[in-house]
Amino acid sequence: MPVPHHSSLPPADAAMLLVLLPPVGTAPQVRAATLAALAALQQELGAAIRVLTVDEVSHPSVVHSFHTTELPCFVLMRQGVELLRQGGLPEGETIVPLLLSKSLSR
């Protein structure tokens, strides 16, 4: 029996934007606003890039594996290859075109 295709899932080769978040020091309202902004970013990026948040409390080994010197930061990856890394959160009017252009380059 074939596996049903879910249009809400990104293609297997879609890029992933990992947003690495710090463990402490963020007020609940700020964290909620950050997550809402990331959800809006996901809507803008569509199926081209999947936005994943990685919290240092929940997934410390994942965050530490990126050897980042500051949190938050974000890393754009496709098939295990790092395409872009920047400190801070992915925001601003130029971030969507930047992410899309980087995700398409090989």
Protein backbone atom coordinates (compact mmCIF):
# COMPACT_ATOMS: atom_id res chain seq x y z
CA MET A 1 0.00 0.00 0.00
CA PRO A 2 1.52 3.39 -0.95
CA VAL A 3 2.27 5.91 1.75
CA PRO A 4 -0.08 8.90 1.49
CA HIS A 5 1.59 12.17 0.55
CA HIS A 6 1.02 15.02 2.99
CA SER A 7 1.28 18.43 1.35
CA SER A 8 2.01 19.99 4.74
CA LEU A 9 5.31 18.14 4.93
CA PRO A 10 8.30 19.76 3.26
CA PRO A 11 9.99 17.96 0.38
CA ALA A 12 12.71 15.53 1.45
CA ASP A 13 15.40 17.85 0.09
CA ALA A 14 13.93 21.02 1.62
CA ALA A 15 16.36 23.21 3.49
CA MET A 16 16.03 23.49 7.26
CA LEU A 17 16.45 26.64 9.29
CA LEU A 18 17.56 25.65 12.78
CA VAL A 19 16.93 28.44 15.28
CA LEU A 20 19.09 27.76 18.33
CA LEU A 21 17.56 29.31 21.44
CA PRO A 22 19.19 30.00 24.82
CA PRO A 23 18.07 28.08 27.91
CA VAL A 24 17.34 30.90 30.34
CA GLY A 25 16.95 34.63 30.69
CA THR A 26 13.99 35.01 28.36
CA ALA A 27 10.70 36.24 29.76
CA PRO A 28 7.71 34.04 28.83
CA GLN A 29 6.14 36.92 26.85
CA VAL A 30 9.34 37.43 24.85
CA ARG A 31 9.65 33.71 24.17
CA ALA A 32 6.00 33.55 23.02
CA ALA A 33 6.57 36.53 20.71
CA THR A 34 9.71 34.85 19.31
CA LEU A 35 7.83 31.62 18.60
CA ALA A 36 4.98 33.57 16.97
CA ALA A 37 7.48 35.44 14.77
CA LEU A 38 9.09 32.14 13.75
CA ALA A 39 5.67 30.69 12.88
CA ALA A 40 5.01 33.74 10.68
CA LEU A 41 8.43 33.26 9.07
CA GLN A 42 7.52 29.64 8.32
CA GLN A 43 4.39 30.85 6.55
CA GLU A 44 6.46 33.21 4.38
CA LEU A 45 9.03 30.54 3.52
CA GLY A 46 6.41 27.96 2.63
CA ALA A 47 7.64 24.48 1.71
CA ALA A 48 11.07 25.70 0.57
CA ILE A 49 12.54 25.89 4.08
CA ARG A 50 11.38 24.20 7.28
CA VAL A 51 11.87 26.31 10.42
CA LEU A 52 12.83 24.30 13.50
CA THR A 53 13.50 25.72 16.94
CA VAL A 54 16.13 23.97 19.03
CA ASP A 55 16.10 24.91 22.71
CA GLU A 56 19.34 24.42 24.65
CA VAL A 57 17.39 23.09 27.63
CA SER A 58 15.58 20.40 25.62
CA HIS A 59 18.38 19.54 23.18
CA PRO A 60 21.73 20.64 24.64
CA SER A 61 23.81 18.21 22.57
CA VAL A 62 22.31 19.53 19.33
CA VAL A 63 22.96 23.16 20.27
CA HIS A 64 26.51 22.38 21.44
CA SER A 65 27.25 20.42 18.25
CA PHE A 66 27.12 23.70 16.32
CA HIS A 67 29.90 25.22 18.49
CA THR A 68 28.16 28.57 18.49
CA THR A 69 29.50 31.40 20.60
CA GLU A 70 26.19 33.21 20.99
CA LEU A 71 22.54 32.34 21.39
CA PRO A 72 20.14 32.87 19.82
CA CYS A 73 21.50 32.14 16.38
CA PHE A 74 20.23 30.42 13.27
CA VAL A 75 21.75 27.96 10.84
CA LEU A 76 20.40 27.22 7.38
CA MET A 77 21.13 23.66 6.25
CA ARG A 78 20.31 21.42 3.31
CA GLN A 79 21.07 17.69 3.41
CA GLY A 80 23.56 18.13 6.26
CA VAL A 81 25.47 20.99 4.61
CA GLU A 82 25.57 24.35 6.36
CA LEU A 83 24.57 27.12 3.93
CA LEU A 84 24.35 30.13 6.27
CA ARG A 85 24.92 30.91 9.95
CA GLN A 86 24.11 34.18 11.71
CA GLY A 87 23.80 35.36 15.27
CA GLY A 88 20.47 36.62 16.56
CA LEU A 89 17.02 35.71 15.34
CA PRO A 90 16.00 35.46 11.68
CA GLU A 91 14.11 38.72 11.35
CA GLY A 92 13.89 41.86 9.27
CA GLU A 93 12.58 42.52 5.79
CA THR A 94 15.63 41.09 4.03
CA ILE A 95 15.71 37.73 5.82
CA VAL A 96 13.17 35.85 3.64
CA PRO A 97 14.86 36.72 0.31
CA LEU A 98 18.27 35.94 1.84
CA LEU A 99 17.19 32.54 3.17
CA LEU A 100 15.43 31.59 -0.06
CA SER A 101 18.42 32.60 -2.21
CA LYS A 102 20.86 30.69 0.03
CA SER A 103 18.62 27.61 0.13
CA LEU A 104 18.54 27.44 -3.67
CA SER A 105 22.29 27.83 -4.18
CA ARG A 106 24.45 24.71 -4.22
